[in-house]
């Protein structure tokens, strides 16, 4: 499987998992008040009209966030098309799939449904969804890849021999 196809599969998978889990969360009345799954994890239903952790909520209009996300996804698609290896392509695919999932939600609801609520005691991490997980994992893979040396990356460590005699 070439890099572009792998990136596309990762994007479609991230998008589908995100939208499927959000549909379940939105159509489960019990999540309105929250459901404890584990001592550190609740499932809740929250509509986030901001960006990460609710930042800019109510400040930037929903259509402005869609426009910004559209530009970023276009840039990521160009990067995916030129991806030098499969790891980069997979990472970009995860980010693209997650971003498109959140864009679709903003188009439908003018907000993004979040449902994962991790906490320790009374401290709650801001709720999030699987699109956020995909974006984070893709970014983490790109970050990790930035520390790999060129010789560790497939097809990038070989030096071309000078065959012209110069």
Protein backbone atom coordinates (compact mmCIF):
# COMPACT_ATOMS: atom_id res chain seq x y z
CA UNK A 1 0.00 0.00 0.00
CA UNK A 2 1.49 3.33 -0.98
CA UNK A 3 1.68 6.33 1.33
CA UNK A 4 -1.25 8.22 -0.19
CA UNK A 5 -3.59 5.25 0.10
CA UNK A 6 -2.49 4.63 3.70
CA UNK A 7 -3.13 8.28 4.55
CA UNK A 8 -6.56 8.06 2.95
CA UNK A 9 -7.43 4.88 4.85
CA UNK A 10 -6.34 6.52 8.12
CA UNK A 11 -8.42 9.62 7.35
CA UNK A 12 -11.54 7.62 6.46
CA UNK A 13 -11.14 5.37 9.52
CA UNK A 14 -10.67 8.31 11.91
CA UNK A 15 -13.64 10.13 10.38
CA UNK A 16 -15.92 7.06 10.52
CA UNK A 17 -15.02 6.15 14.11
CA UNK A 18 -15.48 9.74 15.19
CA UNK A 19 -18.86 10.18 13.56
CA UNK A 20 -20.11 6.79 14.73
CA UNK A 21 -19.21 7.41 18.36
CA UNK A 22 -20.66 10.92 18.26
CA UNK A 23 -23.93 9.55 16.87
CA UNK A 24 -24.07 7.10 19.77
CA UNK A 25 -23.32 9.84 22.29
CA UNK A 26 -25.89 12.23 20.85
CA UNK A 27 -28.60 9.55 20.77
CA UNK A 28 -28.05 8.18 24.28
CA UNK A 29 -30.28 10.09 26.71
CA UNK A 30 -28.42 8.75 29.77
CA UNK A 31 -25.34 10.78 28.81
CA UNK A 32 -27.22 14.02 29.45
CA UNK A 33 -26.40 13.69 33.14
CA UNK A 34 -23.20 11.70 32.65
CA UNK A 35 -22.46 8.01 33.15
CA UNK A 36 -19.51 6.73 35.16
CA UNK A 37 -17.66 4.03 33.18
CA UNK A 38 -14.51 3.79 35.31
CA UNK A 39 -13.46 5.64 38.48
CA UNK A 40 -11.58 8.10 36.23
CA UNK A 41 -13.82 8.15 33.11
CA UNK A 42 -17.34 9.43 32.57
CA UNK A 43 -19.32 9.53 29.37
CA UNK A 44 -21.11 12.86 29.01
CA UNK A 45 -22.80 14.90 26.31
CA UNK A 46 -21.32 18.36 25.79
CA UNK A 47 -21.56 20.68 22.78
CA UNK A 48 -18.33 22.67 22.41
CA UNK A 49 -18.68 25.86 20.36
CA UNK A 50 -14.99 26.73 20.75
CA UNK A 51 -11.80 25.02 19.65
CA UNK A 52 -9.49 22.90 21.82
CA UNK A 53 -10.79 22.80 25.40
CA UNK A 54 -13.50 25.33 24.52
CA UNK A 55 -11.04 28.15 23.82
CA UNK A 56 -12.46 30.96 21.69
CA UNK A 57 -15.99 29.71 22.42
CA UNK A 58 -18.44 32.47 21.60
CA UNK A 59 -15.64 34.73 20.33
CA UNK A 60 -15.05 33.34 16.83
CA UNK A 61 -18.20 32.48 14.83
CA UNK A 62 -18.70 28.80 13.94
CA UNK A 63 -18.33 29.55 10.22
CA UNK A 64 -14.97 31.23 10.90
CA UNK A 65 -13.72 28.04 12.55
CA UNK A 66 -14.96 26.05 9.54
CA UNK A 67 -13.11 28.36 7.14
CA UNK A 68 -9.90 28.11 9.17
CA UNK A 69 -10.20 24.31 9.41
CA UNK A 70 -10.85 24.12 5.66
CA UNK A 71 -7.64 25.98 4.86
CA UNK A 72 -5.67 23.80 7.27
CA UNK A 73 -7.14 20.57 5.85
CA UNK A 74 -6.29 21.72 2.31
CA UNK A 75 -2.68 22.36 3.39
CA UNK A 76 -2.57 18.94 5.09
CA UNK A 77 -3.90 17.25 1.94
CA UNK A 78 -1.11 18.83 -0.11
CA UNK A 79 1.40 17.65 2.49
CA UNK A 80 -0.15 14.16 2.39
CA UNK A 81 0.16 14.07 -1.41
CA UNK A 82 3.88 14.82 -1.04
CA UNK A 83 4.42 12.71 2.11
CA UNK A 84 7.94 11.26 2.09
CA UNK A 85 7.03 8.04 3.93
CA UNK A 86 4.19 5.93 5.30
CA UNK A 87 4.50 7.18 8.89
CA UNK A 88 4.04 10.78 7.80
CA UNK A 89 1.12 9.80 5.57
CA UNK A 90 -0.61 7.86 8.36
CA UNK A 91 -0.12 10.75 10.79
CA UNK A 92 -1.51 13.28 8.32
CA UNK A 93 -4.44 10.98 7.54
CA UNK A 94 -5.36 10.81 11.24
CA UNK A 95 -5.23 14.60 11.54
CA UNK A 96 -7.26 15.12 8.36
CA UNK A 97 -9.92 12.57 9.37
CA UNK A 98 -10.29 14.11 12.82
CA UNK A 99 -10.42 17.64 11.47
CA UNK A 100 -13.06 16.73 8.88
CA UNK A 101 -15.15 15.05 11.58
CA UNK A 102 -15.16 18.23 13.61
CA UNK A 103 -15.84 20.37 10.52
CA UNK A 104 -18.91 18.27 9.69
CA UNK A 105 -20.16 18.71 13.25
CA UNK A 106 -19.74 22.48 13.04
CA UNK A 107 -21.74 22.48 9.81
CA UNK A 108 -24.53 20.41 11.38
CA UNK A 109 -24.65 21.71 14.96
CA UNK A 110 -22.52 24.92 14.92
CA UNK A 111 -20.57 23.10 17.67
CA UNK A 112 -18.66 19.86 18.24
CA UNK A 113 -20.11 17.08 20.41
CA UNK A 114 -17.68 15.92 23.10
CA UNK A 115 -18.34 12.91 25.30
CA UNK A 116 -15.14 11.62 26.94
CA UNK A 117 -14.63 13.07 30.43
CA UNK A 118 -11.45 11.94 32.19
CA UNK A 119 -11.01 13.07 35.77
CA UNK A 120 -9.05 12.61 38.95
CA UNK A 121 -11.13 13.30 41.99
CA UNK A 122 -12.84 16.62 41.38
CA UNK A 123 -10.37 17.72 38.65
CA UNK A 124 -11.85 17.12 35.18
CA UNK A 125 -9.85 17.31 31.97
CA UNK A 126 -11.92 19.17 29.37
CA UNK A 127 -14.20 16.73 27.58
CA UNK A 128 -13.21 15.58 24.10
CA UNK A 129 -14.11 13.14 21.32
CA UNK A 130 -12.41 10.62 19.01
CA UNK A 131 -11.67 13.30 16.39
CA UNK A 132 -9.54 15.01 19.03
CA UNK A 133 -7.85 11.68 19.80
CA UNK A 134 -7.05 11.14 16.10
CA UNK A 135 -5.67 14.67 15.75
CA UNK A 136 -3.55 14.26 18.88
CA UNK A 137 -2.20 10.85 17.78
CA UNK A 138 -1.39 12.17 14.30
CA UNK A 139 0.42 15.18 15.75
CA UNK A 140 2.29 12.95 18.21
CA UNK A 141 3.45 10.72 15.33
CA UNK A 142 4.68 13.76 13.39
CA UNK A 143 6.48 15.00 16.50
CA UNK A 144 8.13 11.61 17.05
CA UNK A 145 9.06 11.39 13.37
CA UNK A 146 10.81 14.76 13.59
CA UNK A 147 13.36 13.21 15.95
CA UNK A 148 14.18 10.25 13.74
CA UNK A 149 17.40 10.66 11.82
CA UNK A 150 17.36 10.51 8.03
CA UNK A 151 19.05 7.10 8.13
CA UNK A 152 16.16 5.72 10.21
CA UNK A 153 13.57 6.84 7.67
CA UNK A 154 12.76 4.49 4.78
CA UNK A 155 14.29 5.58 1.49
CA UNK A 156 15.92 8.69 2.91
CA UNK A 157 19.18 7.43 4.35
CA UNK A 158 20.82 6.26 1.14
CA UNK A 159 23.38 8.54 -0.41
CA UNK A 160 23.43 8.69 -4.17
CA UNK A 161 26.78 7.83 -5.65
CA UNK A 162 28.33 10.23 -8.06
CA UNK A 163 28.51 8.27 -11.33
CA UNK A 164 29.62 11.17 -13.50
CA UNK A 165 33.22 10.96 -12.34
CA UNK A 166 33.21 14.58 -11.20
